[in-house]
């Protein structure tokens, strides 16, 4: 992956990550979700989570010219169970968190680099879970995650978005 480098994200990367999230989600989700659903969900989805940024488990992938291309990470805490580290944890399960690829970097391997890094960096996880937007389902499937069931993700304040719950056994 000579065209990209992967860095552990920090609070200093917040603006770049917000830019990736905004570009990715506003562009890539519009074919799978209504304008009304996106108008409610995007303001919540396009902001970096400071808890994830401070965790050491969230990454930003940059071009050699230092352009932010992809962001995402993993946690032991189940998404939505706490705004702080210390949320709901189930032994042996890790969670893919807040992945986004800038549209200018689609299908170039940077997203794969990031997801494979996450899968390697949770040595005691036997399963990875992911809440996938409809738009990202093919990406996750191409890397071995299997669709388990549809679900609706509660984003707070009465906002929710239908997605899929995907899983990957770390032994497969």
Protein backbone atom coordinates (compact mmCIF):
# COMPACT_ATOMS: atom_id res chain seq x y z
CA UNK A 1 0.00 0.00 0.00
CA UNK A 2 2.68 2.46 -1.08
CA UNK A 3 0.23 5.29 -1.85
CA UNK A 4 -1.15 5.53 1.71
CA UNK A 5 0.07 5.61 5.28
CA UNK A 6 -1.96 4.75 8.35
CA UNK A 7 -1.70 6.89 11.49
CA UNK A 8 -3.31 6.55 14.90
CA UNK A 9 -5.75 9.44 15.08
CA UNK A 10 -5.78 12.05 17.83
CA UNK A 11 -7.89 15.06 18.72
CA UNK A 12 -5.64 17.08 16.39
CA UNK A 13 -7.11 15.10 13.46
CA UNK A 14 -10.71 16.02 14.28
CA UNK A 15 -11.20 18.51 11.41
CA UNK A 16 -9.72 16.14 8.82
CA UNK A 17 -11.91 13.30 10.10
CA UNK A 18 -15.01 15.51 10.04
CA UNK A 19 -14.17 16.36 6.42
CA UNK A 20 -13.87 12.66 5.48
CA UNK A 21 -17.13 11.79 7.28
CA UNK A 22 -19.00 14.66 5.62
CA UNK A 23 -17.71 13.96 2.11
CA UNK A 24 -18.25 10.22 2.42
CA UNK A 25 -21.65 10.08 4.04
CA UNK A 26 -23.27 12.94 2.12
CA UNK A 27 -22.11 11.46 -1.19
CA UNK A 28 -22.30 7.71 -0.68
CA UNK A 29 -25.48 7.36 1.38
CA UNK A 30 -27.77 9.37 -0.89
CA UNK A 31 -28.57 6.38 -3.13
CA UNK A 32 -29.71 4.19 -0.21
CA UNK A 33 -31.49 6.59 2.16
CA UNK A 34 -34.15 9.23 1.74
CA UNK A 35 -33.31 12.93 1.88
CA UNK A 36 -35.47 13.22 5.00
CA UNK A 37 -33.58 10.44 6.81
CA UNK A 38 -30.22 11.93 5.85
CA UNK A 39 -31.24 15.44 6.91
CA UNK A 40 -31.76 14.10 10.42
CA UNK A 41 -28.90 11.60 10.59
CA UNK A 42 -26.00 13.38 8.86
CA UNK A 43 -25.46 16.07 11.52
CA UNK A 44 -24.86 13.25 14.03
CA UNK A 45 -22.84 11.01 11.70
CA UNK A 46 -20.42 13.60 10.34
CA UNK A 47 -18.78 14.56 13.63
CA UNK A 48 -15.71 12.77 14.94
CA UNK A 49 -16.25 11.02 18.27
CA UNK A 50 -13.70 12.46 20.73
CA UNK A 51 -13.78 9.30 22.84
CA UNK A 52 -12.75 7.25 19.81
CA UNK A 53 -10.10 9.83 18.86
CA UNK A 54 -8.52 9.51 22.31
CA UNK A 55 -8.72 5.70 22.41
CA UNK A 56 -5.60 4.84 20.39
CA UNK A 57 -7.85 2.51 18.34
CA UNK A 58 -9.06 5.03 15.79
CA UNK A 59 -7.05 5.74 12.65
CA UNK A 60 -6.74 8.10 9.74
CA UNK A 61 -5.29 6.93 6.44
CA UNK A 62 -3.49 9.66 4.50
CA UNK A 63 -1.96 9.94 1.07
CA UNK A 64 1.76 10.54 0.79
CA UNK A 65 0.81 14.20 0.16
CA UNK A 66 -0.82 14.18 3.65
CA UNK A 67 -4.42 14.28 2.33
CA UNK A 68 -6.86 12.56 4.71
CA UNK A 69 -8.52 9.73 2.76
CA UNK A 70 -10.09 7.22 5.18
CA UNK A 71 -10.96 7.11 8.86
CA UNK A 72 -12.24 4.47 11.22
CA UNK A 73 -11.34 2.25 14.09
CA UNK A 74 -12.53 -0.31 16.58
CA UNK A 75 -13.53 -0.63 20.22
CA UNK A 76 -14.54 -3.25 22.72
CA UNK A 77 -17.49 -1.03 23.70
CA UNK A 78 -20.67 -1.65 21.74
CA UNK A 79 -21.62 1.45 19.71
CA UNK A 80 -24.35 3.52 21.31
CA UNK A 81 -23.98 2.08 24.81
CA UNK A 82 -22.03 4.98 26.23
CA UNK A 83 -20.52 8.25 25.16
CA UNK A 84 -17.56 7.39 27.36
CA UNK A 85 -15.11 4.52 27.32
CA UNK A 86 -16.65 2.03 29.69
CA UNK A 87 -19.78 1.23 27.69
CA UNK A 88 -21.23 -2.25 27.22
CA UNK A 89 -18.50 -4.82 26.63
CA UNK A 90 -18.99 -8.48 25.75
CA UNK A 91 -15.86 -10.64 26.14
CA UNK A 92 -14.41 -11.78 22.83
CA UNK A 93 -16.25 -9.19 20.72
CA UNK A 94 -14.78 -6.05 19.16
CA UNK A 95 -16.69 -3.48 17.11
CA UNK A 96 -15.80 -1.68 13.88
CA UNK A 97 -16.40 2.04 14.49
CA UNK A 98 -17.14 5.13 12.40
CA UNK A 99 -15.58 4.02 9.10
CA UNK A 100 -15.66 6.35 6.13
CA UNK A 101 -13.81 6.62 2.84
CA UNK A 102 -13.57 9.96 1.07
CA UNK A 103 -15.24 9.48 -2.35
CA UNK A 104 -12.00 10.50 -4.13
CA UNK A 105 -10.31 7.42 -2.60
CA UNK A 106 -12.91 4.73 -3.24
CA UNK A 107 -11.69 1.36 -4.53
CA UNK A 108 -7.99 2.18 -4.10
CA UNK A 109 -7.24 -0.14 -1.18
CA UNK A 110 -7.08 2.42 1.63
CA UNK A 111 -10.33 1.22 3.23
CA UNK A 112 -9.13 -2.38 3.04
CA UNK A 113 -5.82 -1.37 4.66
CA UNK A 114 -7.68 0.23 7.55
CA UNK A 115 -10.15 -2.59 8.12
CA UNK A 116 -7.45 -5.25 8.00
CA UNK A 117 -5.44 -3.22 10.53
CA UNK A 118 -8.42 -3.10 12.88
CA UNK A 119 -9.00 -6.85 12.55
CA UNK A 120 -5.36 -7.52 13.48
CA UNK A 121 -5.22 -5.12 16.42
CA UNK A 122 -7.73 -6.75 18.75
CA UNK A 123 -5.83 -9.90 19.68
CA UNK A 124 -8.36 -11.20 22.17
CA UNK A 125 -11.42 -10.72 19.94
CA UNK A 126 -12.90 -13.85 18.43
CA UNK A 127 -15.59 -11.86 16.58
CA UNK A 128 -15.82 -8.41 15.05
CA UNK A 129 -19.22 -6.78 14.78
CA UNK A 130 -20.12 -3.89 12.54
CA UNK A 131 -23.20 -1.74 12.06
CA UNK A 132 -23.07 -1.17 8.33
CA UNK A 133 -24.99 1.38 6.33
CA UNK A 134 -26.70 -0.12 3.31
CA UNK A 135 -24.16 1.72 1.15
CA UNK A 136 -21.16 0.03 2.81
CA UNK A 137 -22.53 -3.51 2.85
CA UNK A 138 -20.65 -4.63 -0.29
CA UNK A 139 -17.35 -3.30 1.11
CA UNK A 140 -17.72 -5.22 4.36
CA UNK A 141 -18.86 -8.37 2.56
CA UNK A 142 -15.77 -8.21 0.32
CA UNK A 143 -13.63 -8.42 3.47
CA UNK A 144 -15.45 -11.39 4.94
CA UNK A 145 -18.06 -9.81 7.18
CA UNK A 146 -21.40 -11.56 6.95
CA UNK A 147 -24.79 -9.89 7.22
CA UNK A 148 -26.50 -11.13 10.40
CA UNK A 149 -29.70 -9.08 10.46
CA UNK A 150 -31.18 -5.69 9.69
CA UNK A 151 -31.37 -3.26 12.59
CA UNK A 152 -32.23 0.34 13.30
CA UNK A 153 -29.47 2.35 14.94
CA UNK A 154 -30.67 4.92 17.48
CA UNK A 155 -28.63 8.10 17.12
CA UNK A 156 -30.34 9.91 19.96
CA UNK A 157 -32.99 12.62 20.16
CA UNK A 158 -35.46 10.57 18.12
CA UNK A 159 -33.12 10.06 15.15
CA UNK A 160 -32.51 6.55 13.83
CA UNK A 161 -31.15 4.99 10.65
CA UNK A 162 -31.73 1.49 9.27
CA UNK A 163 -28.52 -0.49 8.85
CA UNK A 164 -27.18 -4.04 8.95
CA UNK A 165 -25.51 -5.89 11.77
CA UNK A 166 -22.51 -7.69 10.25
CA UNK A 167 -20.03 -10.07 11.84
CA UNK A 168 -16.71 -11.68 11.09
CA UNK A 169 -15.16 -14.51 13.02
CA UNK A 170 -11.49 -13.77 13.58
CA UNK A 171 -10.80 -17.46 12.98
CA UNK A 172 -12.13 -17.49 9.42
